[in-house]
Amino acid sequence: PLTAKAISAEAGVDDFLAEATPEEKLSLIRREQEGGNLVAMTGD
């Protein structure tokens, strides 16, 4: 979280998810969608 916070501040993003696992990514997307948001992401 410490490193993530510094890089997110330098890049100018609004928020960050540190030490992310696949389950946490999925959970974050679902929370955003439940709040009425449309979510876009990349992956490989």
PDB file of all heavy atoms in Angstrom:
ATOM      1  N   PRO A   1       0.800  -1.232   0.000  1.00  0.00           N
ATOM      2  CA  PRO A   1       0.000   0.000   0.000  1.00  0.00           C
ATOM      3  C   PRO A   1       0.825   1.271   0.000  1.00  0.00           C
ATOM      4  O   PRO A   1       0.426   2.284  -0.598  1.00  0.00           O
ATOM      5  CB  PRO A   1      -0.829  -0.120   1.283  1.00  0.00           C
ATOM      6  CG  PRO A   1      -0.923  -1.592   1.527  1.00  0.00           C
ATOM      7  CD  PRO A   1       0.384  -2.156   1.065  1.00  0.00           C
ATOM      8  N   LEU A   2       1.996   1.261   0.665  1.00  0.00           N
ATOM      9  CA  LEU A   2       2.823   2.457   0.736  1.00  0.00           C
ATOM     10  C   LEU A   2       3.331   2.844  -0.648  1.00  0.00           C
ATOM     11  O   LEU A   2       3.231   4.008  -1.075  1.00  0.00           O
ATOM     12  CB  LEU A   2       4.002   2.200   1.686  1.00  0.00           C
ATOM     13  CG  LEU A   2       4.630   3.426   2.345  1.00  0.00           C
ATOM     14  CD1 LEU A   2       3.626   4.168   3.189  1.00  0.00           C
ATOM     15  CD2 LEU A   2       5.829   3.002   3.193  1.00  0.00           C
ATOM     16  N   THR A   3       3.878   1.862  -1.362  1.00  0.00           N
ATOM     17  CA  THR A   3       4.375   2.115  -2.717  1.00  0.00           C
ATOM     18  C   THR A   3       3.231   2.482  -3.657  1.00  0.00           C
ATOM     19  O   THR A   3       3.351   3.391  -4.487  1.00  0.00           O
ATOM     20  CB  THR A   3       5.117   0.881  -3.249  1.00  0.00           C
ATOM     21  OG1 THR A   3       6.194   0.568  -2.369  1.00  0.00           O
ATOM     22  CG2 THR A   3       5.650   1.122  -4.642  1.00  0.00           C
ATOM     23  N   ALA A   4       2.113   1.770  -3.537  1.00  0.00           N
ATOM     24  CA  ALA A   4       0.956   2.033  -4.398  1.00  0.00           C
ATOM     25  C   ALA A   4       0.439   3.452  -4.209  1.00  0.00           C
ATOM     26  O   ALA A   4       0.085   4.134  -5.181  1.00  0.00           O
ATOM     27  CB  ALA A   4      -0.148   1.021  -4.102  1.00  0.00           C
ATOM     28  N   LYS A   5       0.418   3.909  -2.979  1.00  0.00           N
ATOM     29  CA  LYS A   5      -0.072   5.261  -2.703  1.00  0.00           C
ATOM     30  C   LYS A   5       0.818   6.314  -3.349  1.00  0.00           C
ATOM     31  O   LYS A   5       0.334   7.287  -3.949  1.00  0.00           O
ATOM     32  CB  LYS A   5      -0.148   5.492  -1.199  1.00  0.00           C
ATOM     33  CG  LYS A   5      -0.674   6.868  -0.806  1.00  0.00           C
ATOM     34  CD  LYS A   5      -0.754   7.015   0.702  1.00  0.00           C
ATOM     35  CE  LYS A   5      -1.290   8.399   1.082  1.00  0.00           C
ATOM     36  NZ  LYS A   5      -1.362   8.555   2.563  1.00  0.00           N
ATOM     37  N   ALA A   6       2.123   6.113  -3.266  1.00  0.00           N
ATOM     38  CA  ALA A   6       3.052   7.086  -3.839  1.00  0.00           C
ATOM     39  C   ALA A   6       2.930   7.143  -5.356  1.00  0.00           C
ATOM     40  O   ALA A   6       2.880   8.222  -5.955  1.00  0.00           O
ATOM     41  CB  ALA A   6       4.478   6.734  -3.434  1.00  0.00           C
ATOM     42  N   ILE A   7       2.873   5.978  -6.008  1.00  0.00           N
ATOM     43  CA  ILE A   7       2.793   5.954  -7.474  1.00  0.00           C
ATOM     44  C   ILE A   7       1.454   6.497  -7.959  1.00  0.00           C
ATOM     45  O   ILE A   7       1.375   7.219  -8.956  1.00  0.00           O
ATOM     46  CB  ILE A   7       3.041   4.530  -7.995  1.00  0.00           C
ATOM     47  CG1 ILE A   7       4.483   4.110  -7.704  1.00  0.00           C
ATOM     48  CG2 ILE A   7       2.754   4.433  -9.492  1.00  0.00           C
ATOM     49  CD1 ILE A   7       4.834   2.715  -8.142  1.00  0.00           C
ATOM     50  N   SER A   8       0.373   6.167  -7.246  1.00  0.00           N
ATOM     51  CA  SER A   8      -0.943   6.674  -7.656  1.00  0.00           C
ATOM     52  C   SER A   8      -0.999   8.189  -7.550  1.00  0.00           C
ATOM     53  O   SER A   8      -1.611   8.858  -8.385  1.00  0.00           O
ATOM     54  CB  SER A   8      -2.041   6.036  -6.803  1.00  0.00           C
ATOM     55  OG  SER A   8      -1.941   6.446  -5.451  1.00  0.00           O
ATOM     56  N   ALA A   9      -0.339   8.742  -6.516  1.00  0.00           N
ATOM     57  CA  ALA A   9      -0.310  10.203  -6.374  1.00  0.00           C
ATOM     58  C   ALA A   9       0.503  10.836  -7.497  1.00  0.00           C
ATOM     59  O   ALA A   9       0.124  11.871  -8.048  1.00  0.00           O
ATOM     60  CB  ALA A   9       0.271  10.577  -5.015  1.00  0.00           C
ATOM     61  N   GLU A  10       1.635  10.213  -7.861  1.00  0.00           N
ATOM     62  CA  GLU A  10       2.473  10.752  -8.931  1.00  0.00           C
ATOM     63  C   GLU A  10       1.770  10.688 -10.283  1.00  0.00           C
ATOM     64  O   GLU A  10       1.883  11.590 -11.106  1.00  0.00           O
ATOM     65  CB  GLU A  10       3.794   9.992  -8.989  1.00  0.00           C
ATOM     66  CG  GLU A  10       4.763  10.523 -10.030  1.00  0.00           C
ATOM     67  CD  GLU A  10       6.066   9.750 -10.068  1.00  0.00           C
ATOM     68  OE1 GLU A  10       6.262   8.862  -9.208  1.00  0.00           O
ATOM     69  OE2 GLU A  10       6.893  10.019 -10.967  1.00  0.00           O
ATOM     70  N   ALA A  11       1.028   9.589 -10.511  1.00  0.00           N
ATOM     71  CA  ALA A  11       0.350   9.415 -11.799  1.00  0.00           C
ATOM     72  C   ALA A  11      -0.929  10.232 -11.905  1.00  0.00           C
ATOM     73  O   ALA A  11      -1.406  10.504 -13.008  1.00  0.00           O
ATOM     74  CB  ALA A  11       0.036   7.941 -12.025  1.00  0.00           C
ATOM     75  N   GLY A  12      -1.515  10.576 -10.761  1.00  0.00           N
ATOM     76  CA  GLY A  12      -2.731  11.374 -10.786  1.00  0.00           C
ATOM     77  C   GLY A  12      -4.009  10.568 -10.870  1.00  0.00           C
ATOM     78  O   GLY A  12      -5.045  11.100 -11.268  1.00  0.00           O
ATOM     79  N   VAL A  13      -3.948   9.258 -10.492  1.00  0.00           N
ATOM     80  CA  VAL A  13      -5.177   8.459 -10.487  1.00  0.00           C
ATOM     81  C   VAL A  13      -5.987   8.782  -9.242  1.00  0.00           C
ATOM     82  O   VAL A  13      -5.476   9.304  -8.252  1.00  0.00           O
ATOM     83  CB  VAL A  13      -4.873   6.946 -10.556  1.00  0.00           C
ATOM     84  CG1 VAL A  13      -4.188   6.598 -11.856  1.00  0.00           C
ATOM     85  CG2 VAL A  13      -4.032   6.500  -9.376  1.00  0.00           C
ATOM     86  N   ASP A  14      -7.271   8.454  -9.292  1.00  0.00           N
ATOM     87  CA  ASP A  14      -8.165   8.818  -8.197  1.00  0.00           C
ATOM     88  C   ASP A  14      -8.087   7.850  -7.021  1.00  0.00           C
ATOM     89  O   ASP A  14      -8.359   8.237  -5.879  1.00  0.00           O
ATOM     90  CB  ASP A  14      -9.613   8.872  -8.712  1.00  0.00           C
ATOM     91  CG  ASP A  14      -9.782   9.905  -9.799  1.00  0.00           C
ATOM     92  OD1 ASP A  14      -9.329  11.046  -9.595  1.00  0.00           O
ATOM     93  OD2 ASP A  14     -10.351   9.584 -10.854  1.00  0.00           O
ATOM     94  N   ASP A  15      -7.762   6.586  -7.272  1.00  0.00           N
ATOM     95  CA  ASP A  15      -7.740   5.597  -6.195  1.00  0.00           C
ATOM     96  C   ASP A  15      -6.817   4.456  -6.604  1.00  0.00           C
ATOM     97  O   ASP A  15      -6.360   4.396  -7.749  1.00  0.00           O
ATOM     98  CB  ASP A  15      -9.160   5.077  -5.937  1.00  0.00           C
ATOM     99  CG  ASP A  15      -9.321   4.493  -4.538  1.00  0.00           C
ATOM    100  OD1 ASP A  15      -8.307   4.368  -3.823  1.00  0.00           O
ATOM    101  OD2 ASP A  15     -10.458   4.144  -4.176  1.00  0.00           O
ATOM    102  N   PHE A  16      -6.536   3.556  -5.681  1.00  0.00           N
ATOM    103  CA  PHE A  16      -5.692   2.410  -5.995  1.00  0.00           C
ATOM    104  C   PHE A  16      -6.131   1.199  -5.188  1.00  0.00           C
ATOM    105  O   PHE A  16      -6.763   1.320  -4.134  1.00  0.00           O
ATOM    106  CB  PHE A  16      -4.215   2.713  -5.715  1.00  0.00           C
ATOM    107  CG  PHE A  16      -3.902   2.960  -4.267  1.00  0.00           C
ATOM    108  CD1 PHE A  16      -3.576   1.913  -3.407  1.00  0.00           C
ATOM    109  CD2 PHE A  16      -3.934   4.247  -3.745  1.00  0.00           C
ATOM    110  CE1 PHE A  16      -3.288   2.132  -2.070  1.00  0.00           C
ATOM    111  CE2 PHE A  16      -3.657   4.479  -2.410  1.00  0.00           C
ATOM    112  CZ  PHE A  16      -3.331   3.415  -1.573  1.00  0.00           C
ATOM    113  N   LEU A  17      -5.806   0.027  -5.739  1.00  0.00           N
ATOM    114  CA  LEU A  17      -6.019  -1.235  -5.045  1.00  0.00           C
ATOM    115  C   LEU A  17      -4.666  -1.920  -4.968  1.00  0.00           C
ATOM    116  O   LEU A  17      -4.120  -2.352  -5.978  1.00  0.00           O
ATOM    117  CB  LEU A  17      -7.022  -2.115  -5.794  1.00  0.00           C
ATOM    118  CG  LEU A  17      -7.270  -3.517  -5.205  1.00  0.00           C
ATOM    119  CD1 LEU A  17      -7.920  -3.410  -3.835  1.00  0.00           C
ATOM    120  CD2 LEU A  17      -8.144  -4.350  -6.143  1.00  0.00           C
ATOM    121  N   ALA A  18      -4.092  -1.999  -3.733  1.00  0.00           N
ATOM    122  CA  ALA A  18      -2.767  -2.565  -3.536  1.00  0.00           C
ATOM    123  C   ALA A  18      -2.863  -4.049  -3.196  1.00  0.00           C
ATOM    124  O   ALA A  18      -3.898  -4.535  -2.733  1.00  0.00           O
ATOM    125  CB  ALA A  18      -2.032  -1.811  -2.428  1.00  0.00           C
ATOM    126  N   GLU A  19      -1.738  -4.757  -3.431  1.00  0.00           N
ATOM    127  CA  GLU A  19      -1.653  -6.191  -3.136  1.00  0.00           C
ATOM    128  C   GLU A  19      -2.879  -6.931  -3.687  1.00  0.00           C
ATOM    129  O   GLU A  19      -3.501  -7.757  -3.031  1.00  0.00           O
ATOM    130  CB  GLU A  19      -1.501  -6.421  -1.632  1.00  0.00           C
ATOM    131  CG  GLU A  19      -0.229  -5.789  -1.073  1.00  0.00           C
ATOM    132  CD  GLU A  19      -0.112  -5.929   0.435  1.00  0.00           C
ATOM    133  OE1 GLU A  19      -1.146  -6.211   1.085  1.00  0.00           O
ATOM    134  OE2 GLU A  19       1.000  -5.756   0.959  1.00  0.00           O
ATOM    135  N   ALA A  20      -3.213  -6.587  -4.936  1.00  0.00           N
ATOM    136  CA  ALA A  20      -4.457  -7.091  -5.546  1.00  0.00           C
ATOM    137  C   ALA A  20      -4.320  -8.546  -5.957  1.00  0.00           C
ATOM    138  O   ALA A  20      -3.311  -8.951  -6.545  1.00  0.00           O
ATOM    139  CB  ALA A  20      -4.819  -6.241  -6.757  1.00  0.00           C
ATOM    140  N   THR A  21      -5.316  -9.318  -5.662  1.00  0.00           N
ATOM    141  CA  THR A  21      -5.432 -10.705  -6.116  1.00  0.00           C
ATOM    142  C   THR A  21      -6.565 -10.772  -7.138  1.00  0.00           C
ATOM    143  O   THR A  21      -7.395  -9.850  -7.226  1.00  0.00           O
ATOM    144  CB  THR A  21      -5.751 -11.643  -4.940  1.00  0.00           C
ATOM    145  OG1 THR A  21      -7.041 -11.286  -4.405  1.00  0.00           O
ATOM    146  CG2 THR A  21      -4.698 -11.516  -3.849  1.00  0.00           C
ATOM    147  N   PRO A  22      -6.649 -11.853  -7.942  1.00  0.00           N
ATOM    148  CA  PRO A  22      -7.768 -11.973  -8.889  1.00  0.00           C
ATOM    149  C   PRO A  22      -9.126 -11.850  -8.221  1.00  0.00           C
ATOM    150  O   PRO A  22     -10.049 -11.243  -8.773  1.00  0.00           O
ATOM    151  CB  PRO A  22      -7.555 -13.367  -9.490  1.00  0.00           C
ATOM    152  CG  PRO A  22      -6.087 -13.610  -9.380  1.00  0.00           C
ATOM    153  CD  PRO A  22      -5.668 -12.948  -8.102  1.00  0.00           C
ATOM    154  N   GLU A  23      -9.259 -12.405  -7.009  1.00  0.00           N
ATOM    155  CA  GLU A  23     -10.539 -12.329  -6.295  1.00  0.00           C
ATOM    156  C   GLU A  23     -10.857 -10.894  -5.896  1.00  0.00           C
ATOM    157  O   GLU A  23     -12.018 -10.460  -5.977  1.00  0.00           O
ATOM    158  CB  GLU A  23     -10.492 -13.220  -5.047  1.00  0.00           C
ATOM    159  CG  GLU A  23     -10.397 -14.713  -5.334  1.00  0.00           C
ATOM    160  CD  GLU A  23      -9.007 -15.161  -5.726  1.00  0.00           C
ATOM    161  OE1 GLU A  23      -8.047 -14.371  -5.526  1.00  0.00           O
ATOM    162  OE2 GLU A  23      -8.874 -16.286  -6.235  1.00  0.00           O
ATOM    163  N   GLU A  24      -9.824 -10.143  -5.504  1.00  0.00           N
ATOM    164  CA  GLU A  24     -10.060  -8.753  -5.098  1.00  0.00           C
ATOM    165  C   GLU A  24     -10.416  -7.884  -6.299  1.00  0.00           C
ATOM    166  O   GLU A  24     -11.214  -6.955  -6.187  1.00  0.00           O
ATOM    167  CB  GLU A  24      -8.823  -8.215  -4.379  1.00  0.00           C
ATOM    168  CG  GLU A  24      -8.636  -8.815  -2.990  1.00  0.00           C
ATOM    169  CD  GLU A  24      -7.322  -8.409  -2.367  1.00  0.00           C
ATOM    170  OE1 GLU A  24      -6.379  -8.094  -3.140  1.00  0.00           O
ATOM    171  OE2 GLU A  24      -7.224  -8.411  -1.139  1.00  0.00           O
ATOM    172  N   LYS A  25      -9.800  -8.165  -7.466  1.00  0.00           N
ATOM    173  CA  LYS A  25     -10.167  -7.431  -8.689  1.00  0.00           C
ATOM    174  C   LYS A  25     -11.642  -7.654  -9.015  1.00  0.00           C
ATOM    175  O   LYS A  25     -12.377  -6.707  -9.317  1.00  0.00           O
ATOM    176  CB  LYS A  25      -9.310  -7.890  -9.867  1.00  0.00           C
ATOM    177  CG  LYS A  25      -7.845  -7.528  -9.789  1.00  0.00           C
ATOM    178  CD  LYS A  25      -7.123  -8.055 -11.026  1.00  0.00           C
ATOM    179  CE  LYS A  25      -5.631  -7.832 -10.939  1.00  0.00           C
ATOM    180  NZ  LYS A  25      -4.921  -8.358 -12.120  1.00  0.00           N
ATOM    181  N   LEU A  26     -12.056  -8.914  -8.973  1.00  0.00           N
ATOM    182  CA  LEU A  26     -13.446  -9.254  -9.276  1.00  0.00           C
ATOM    183  C   LEU A  26     -14.387  -8.604  -8.285  1.00  0.00           C
ATOM    184  O   LEU A  26     -15.446  -8.066  -8.656  1.00  0.00           O
ATOM    185  CB  LEU A  26     -13.607 -10.773  -9.266  1.00  0.00           C
ATOM    186  CG  LEU A  26     -14.952 -11.337  -9.729  1.00  0.00           C
ATOM    187  CD1 LEU A  26     -15.238 -10.919 -11.171  1.00  0.00           C
ATOM    188  CD2 LEU A  26     -14.952 -12.856  -9.611  1.00  0.00           C
ATOM    189  N   SER A  27     -14.017  -8.618  -7.023  1.00  0.00           N
ATOM    190  CA  SER A  27     -14.851  -8.008  -5.983  1.00  0.00           C
ATOM    191  C   SER A  27     -14.972  -6.503  -6.184  1.00  0.00           C
ATOM    192  O   SER A  27     -16.055  -5.930  -6.030  1.00  0.00           O
ATOM    193  CB  SER A  27     -14.257  -8.310  -4.608  1.00  0.00           C
ATOM    194  OG  SER A  27     -15.005  -7.697  -3.580  1.00  0.00           O
ATOM    195  N   LEU A  28     -13.873  -5.858  -6.563  1.00  0.00           N
ATOM    196  CA  LEU A  28     -13.900  -4.409  -6.802  1.00  0.00           C
ATOM    197  C   LEU A  28     -14.833  -4.068  -7.954  1.00  0.00           C
ATOM    198  O   LEU A  28     -15.625  -3.115  -7.874  1.00  0.00           O
ATOM    199  CB  LEU A  28     -12.481  -3.916  -7.105  1.00  0.00           C
ATOM    200  CG  LEU A  28     -12.350  -2.448  -7.528  1.00  0.00           C
ATOM    201  CD1 LEU A  28     -12.846  -1.525  -6.419  1.00  0.00           C
ATOM    202  CD2 LEU A  28     -10.905  -2.111  -7.903  1.00  0.00           C
ATOM    203  N   ILE A  29     -14.759  -4.846  -9.040  1.00  0.00           N
ATOM    204  CA  ILE A  29     -15.630  -4.587 -10.194  1.00  0.00           C
ATOM    205  C   ILE A  29     -17.098  -4.731  -9.800  1.00  0.00           C
ATOM    206  O   ILE A  29     -17.943  -3.906 -10.164  1.00  0.00           O
ATOM    207  CB  ILE A  29     -15.274  -5.536 -11.351  1.00  0.00           C
ATOM    208  CG1 ILE A  29     -13.880  -5.204 -11.896  1.00  0.00           C
ATOM    209  CG2 ILE A  29     -16.306  -5.454 -12.469  1.00  0.00           C
ATOM    210  CD1 ILE A  29     -13.380  -6.181 -12.931  1.00  0.00           C
ATOM    211  N   ARG A  30     -17.406  -5.763  -9.052  1.00  0.00           N
ATOM    212  CA  ARG A  30     -18.797  -5.988  -8.645  1.00  0.00           C
ATOM    213  C   ARG A  30     -19.299  -4.866  -7.746  1.00  0.00           C
ATOM    214  O   ARG A  30     -20.455  -4.436  -7.869  1.00  0.00           O
ATOM    215  CB  ARG A  30     -18.913  -7.332  -7.940  1.00  0.00           C
ATOM    216  CG  ARG A  30     -18.836  -8.526  -8.900  1.00  0.00           C
ATOM    217  CD  ARG A  30     -18.787  -9.839  -8.163  1.00  0.00           C
ATOM    218  NE  ARG A  30     -18.841 -10.970  -9.091  1.00  0.00           N
ATOM    219  CZ  ARG A  30     -18.591 -12.217  -8.754  1.00  0.00           C
ATOM    220  NH1 ARG A  30     -18.250 -12.519  -7.491  1.00  0.00           N
ATOM    221  NH2 ARG A  30     -18.665 -13.186  -9.654  1.00  0.00           N
ATOM    222  N   ARG A  31     -18.456  -4.376  -6.844  1.00  0.00           N
ATOM    223  CA  ARG A  31     -18.866  -3.270  -5.970  1.00  0.00           C
ATOM    224  C   ARG A  31     -19.153  -2.019  -6.785  1.00  0.00           C
ATOM    225  O   ARG A  31     -20.127  -1.301  -6.521  1.00  0.00           O
ATOM    226  CB  ARG A  31     -17.779  -2.982  -4.934  1.00  0.00           C
ATOM    227  CG  ARG A  31     -17.656  -4.020  -3.834  1.00  0.00           C
ATOM    228  CD  ARG A  31     -16.896  -3.453  -2.639  1.00  0.00           C
ATOM    229  NE  ARG A  31     -15.593  -2.932  -3.003  1.00  0.00           N
ATOM    230  CZ  ARG A  31     -14.470  -3.640  -3.035  1.00  0.00           C
ATOM    231  NH1 ARG A  31     -14.511  -4.944  -2.749  1.00  0.00           N
ATOM    232  NH2 ARG A  31     -13.317  -3.080  -3.355  1.00  0.00           N
ATOM    233  N   GLU A  32     -18.302  -1.758  -7.773  1.00  0.00           N
ATOM    234  CA  GLU A  32     -18.518  -0.582  -8.623  1.00  0.00           C
ATOM    235  C   GLU A  32     -19.819  -0.719  -9.404  1.00  0.00           C
ATOM    236  O   GLU A  32     -20.590   0.242  -9.527  1.00  0.00           O
ATOM    237  CB  GLU A  32     -17.337  -0.416  -9.586  1.00  0.00           C
ATOM    238  CG  GLU A  32     -16.031  -0.025  -8.933  1.00  0.00           C
ATOM    239  CD  GLU A  32     -16.032   1.420  -8.457  1.00  0.00           C
ATOM    240  OE1 GLU A  32     -16.803   2.229  -9.013  1.00  0.00           O
ATOM    241  OE2 GLU A  32     -15.276   1.743  -7.537  1.00  0.00           O
ATOM    242  N   GLN A  33     -20.076  -1.891  -9.940  1.00  0.00           N
ATOM    243  CA  GLN A  33     -21.293  -2.102 -10.730  1.00  0.00           C
ATOM    244  C   GLN A  33     -22.543  -2.029  -9.864  1.00  0.00           C
ATOM    245  O   GLN A  33     -23.577  -1.517 -10.305  1.00  0.00           O
ATOM    246  CB  GLN A  33     -21.209  -3.436 -11.463  1.00  0.00           C
ATOM    247  CG  GLN A  33     -20.174  -3.454 -12.575  1.00  0.00           C
ATOM    248  CD  GLN A  33     -19.939  -4.833 -13.154  1.00  0.00           C
ATOM    249  OE1 GLN A  33     -20.125  -5.848 -12.476  1.00  0.00           O
ATOM    250  NE2 GLN A  33     -19.523  -4.902 -14.408  1.00  0.00           N
ATOM    251  N   GLU A  34     -22.446  -2.525  -8.650  1.00  0.00           N
ATOM    252  CA  GLU A  34     -23.592  -2.426  -7.736  1.00  0.00           C
ATOM    253  C   GLU A  34     -23.904  -0.977  -7.389  1.00  0.00           C
ATOM    254  O   GLU A  34     -25.048  -0.642  -7.062  1.00  0.00           O
ATOM    255  CB  GLU A  34     -23.307  -3.229  -6.465  1.00  0.00           C
ATOM    256  CG  GLU A  34     -23.343  -4.743  -6.675  1.00  0.00           C
ATOM    257  CD  GLU A  34     -22.816  -5.511  -5.476  1.00  0.00           C
ATOM    258  OE1 GLU A  34     -22.428  -4.852  -4.469  1.00  0.00           O
ATOM    259  OE2 GLU A  34     -22.787  -6.756  -5.522  1.00  0.00           O
ATOM    260  N   GLY A  35     -22.888  -0.128  -7.481  1.00  0.00           N
ATOM    261  CA  GLY A  35     -23.096   1.291  -7.245  1.00  0.00           C
ATOM    262  C   GLY A  35     -23.577   2.047  -8.464  1.00  0.00           C
ATOM    263  O   GLY A  35     -23.654   3.281  -8.443  1.00  0.00           O
ATOM    264  N   GLY A  36     -23.889   1.324  -9.543  1.00  0.00           N
ATOM    265  CA  GLY A  36     -24.422   1.962 -10.752  1.00  0.00           C
ATOM    266  C   GLY A  36     -23.371   2.403 -11.745  1.00  0.00           C
ATOM    267  O   GLY A  36     -23.680   3.126 -12.695  1.00  0.00           O
ATOM    268  N   ASN A  37     -22.121   1.994 -11.565  1.00  0.00           N
ATOM    269  CA  ASN A  37     -21.042   2.390 -12.468  1.00  0.00           C
ATOM    270  C   ASN A  37     -20.818   1.345 -13.551  1.00  0.00           C
ATOM    271  O   ASN A  37     -21.033   0.149 -13.329  1.00  0.00           O
ATOM    272  CB  ASN A  37     -19.741   2.593 -11.684  1.00  0.00           C
ATOM    273  CG  ASN A  37     -19.829   3.739 -10.707  1.00  0.00           C
ATOM    274  OD1 ASN A  37     -20.299   4.815 -11.043  1.00  0.00           O
ATOM    275  ND2 ASN A  37     -19.376   3.511  -9.479  1.00  0.00           N
ATOM    276  N   LEU A  38     -20.360   1.795 -14.716  1.00  0.00           N
ATOM    277  CA  LEU A  38     -19.903   0.904 -15.776  1.00  0.00           C
ATOM    278  C   LEU A  38     -18.387   0.854 -15.710  1.00  0.00           C
ATOM    279  O   LEU A  38     -17.732   1.902 -15.632  1.00  0.00           O
ATOM    280  CB  LEU A  38     -20.355   1.384 -17.151  1.00  0.00           C
ATOM    281  CG  LEU A  38     -21.654   0.759 -17.689  1.00  0.00           C
ATOM    282  CD1 LEU A  38     -22.832   1.216 -16.843  1.00  0.00           C
ATOM    283  CD2 LEU A  38     -21.872   1.147 -19.150  1.00  0.00           C
ATOM    284  N   VAL A  39     -17.835  -0.369 -15.730  1.00  0.00           N
ATOM    285  CA  VAL A  39     -16.417  -0.566 -15.450  1.00  0.00           C
ATOM    286  C   VAL A  39     -15.697  -1.076 -16.687  1.00  0.00           C
ATOM    287  O   VAL A  39     -16.194  -1.950 -17.395  1.00  0.00           O
ATOM    288  CB  VAL A  39     -16.229  -1.566 -14.285  1.00  0.00           C
ATOM    289  CG1 VAL A  39     -14.750  -1.759 -13.969  1.00  0.00           C
ATOM    290  CG2 VAL A  39     -16.977  -1.083 -13.049  1.00  0.00           C
ATOM    291  N   ALA A  40     -14.496  -0.529 -16.922  1.00  0.00           N
ATOM    292  CA  ALA A  40     -13.615  -1.018 -17.986  1.00  0.00           C
ATOM    293  C   ALA A  40     -12.288  -1.411 -17.365  1.00  0.00           C
ATOM    294  O   ALA A  40     -11.819  -0.779 -16.421  1.00  0.00           O
ATOM    295  CB  ALA A  40     -13.398   0.055 -19.049  1.00  0.00           C
ATOM    296  N   MET A  41     -11.691  -2.491 -17.894  1.00  0.00           N
ATOM    297  CA  MET A  41     -10.374  -2.902 -17.418  1.00  0.00           C
ATOM    298  C   MET A  41      -9.630  -3.661 -18.510  1.00  0.00           C
ATOM    299  O   MET A  41     -10.223  -4.080 -19.513  1.00  0.00           O
ATOM    300  CB  MET A  41     -10.481  -3.763 -16.160  1.00  0.00           C
ATOM    301  CG  MET A  41     -10.946  -5.194 -16.406  1.00  0.00           C
ATOM    302  SD  MET A  41     -10.502  -6.288 -15.024  1.00  0.00           S
ATOM    303  CE  MET A  41      -8.710  -6.398 -15.242  1.00  0.00           C
ATOM    304  N   THR A  42      -8.320  -3.805 -18.317  1.00  0.00           N
ATOM    305  CA  THR A  42      -7.496  -4.578 -19.236  1.00  0.00           C
ATOM    306  C   THR A  42      -6.911  -5.779 -18.503  1.00  0.00           C
ATOM    307  O   THR A  42      -6.825  -5.799 -17.277  1.00  0.00           O
ATOM    308  CB  THR A  42      -6.335  -3.734 -19.793  1.00  0.00           C
ATOM    309  OG1 THR A  42      -5.508  -3.313 -18.695  1.00  0.00           O
ATOM    310  CG2 THR A  42      -6.835  -2.530 -20.527  1.00  0.00           C
ATOM    311  N   GLY A  43      -6.500  -6.782 -19.274  1.00  0.00           N
ATOM    312  CA  GLY A  43      -5.872  -7.954 -18.683  1.00  0.00           C
ATOM    313  C   GLY A  43      -5.294  -8.835 -19.763  1.00  0.00           C
ATOM    314  O   GLY A  43      -5.667  -8.733 -20.933  1.00  0.00           O
ATOM    315  N   ASP A  44      -4.373  -9.716 -19.368  1.00  0.00           N
ATOM    316  CA  ASP A  44      -3.769 -10.612 -20.356  1.00  0.00           C
ATOM    317  C   ASP A  44      -3.604 -12.039 -19.855  1.00  0.00           C
ATOM    318  O   ASP A  44      -3.305 -12.936 -20.640  1.00  0.00           O
ATOM    319  CB  ASP A  44      -2.405 -10.083 -20.825  1.00  0.00           C
ATOM    320  CG  ASP A  44      -1.431  -9.910 -19.670  1.00  0.00           C
ATOM    321  OD1 ASP A  44      -1.790 -10.248 -18.524  1.00  0.00           O
ATOM    322  OD2 ASP A  44      -0.309  -9.432 -19.909  1.00  0.00           O
TER     323      ASP A  44
END
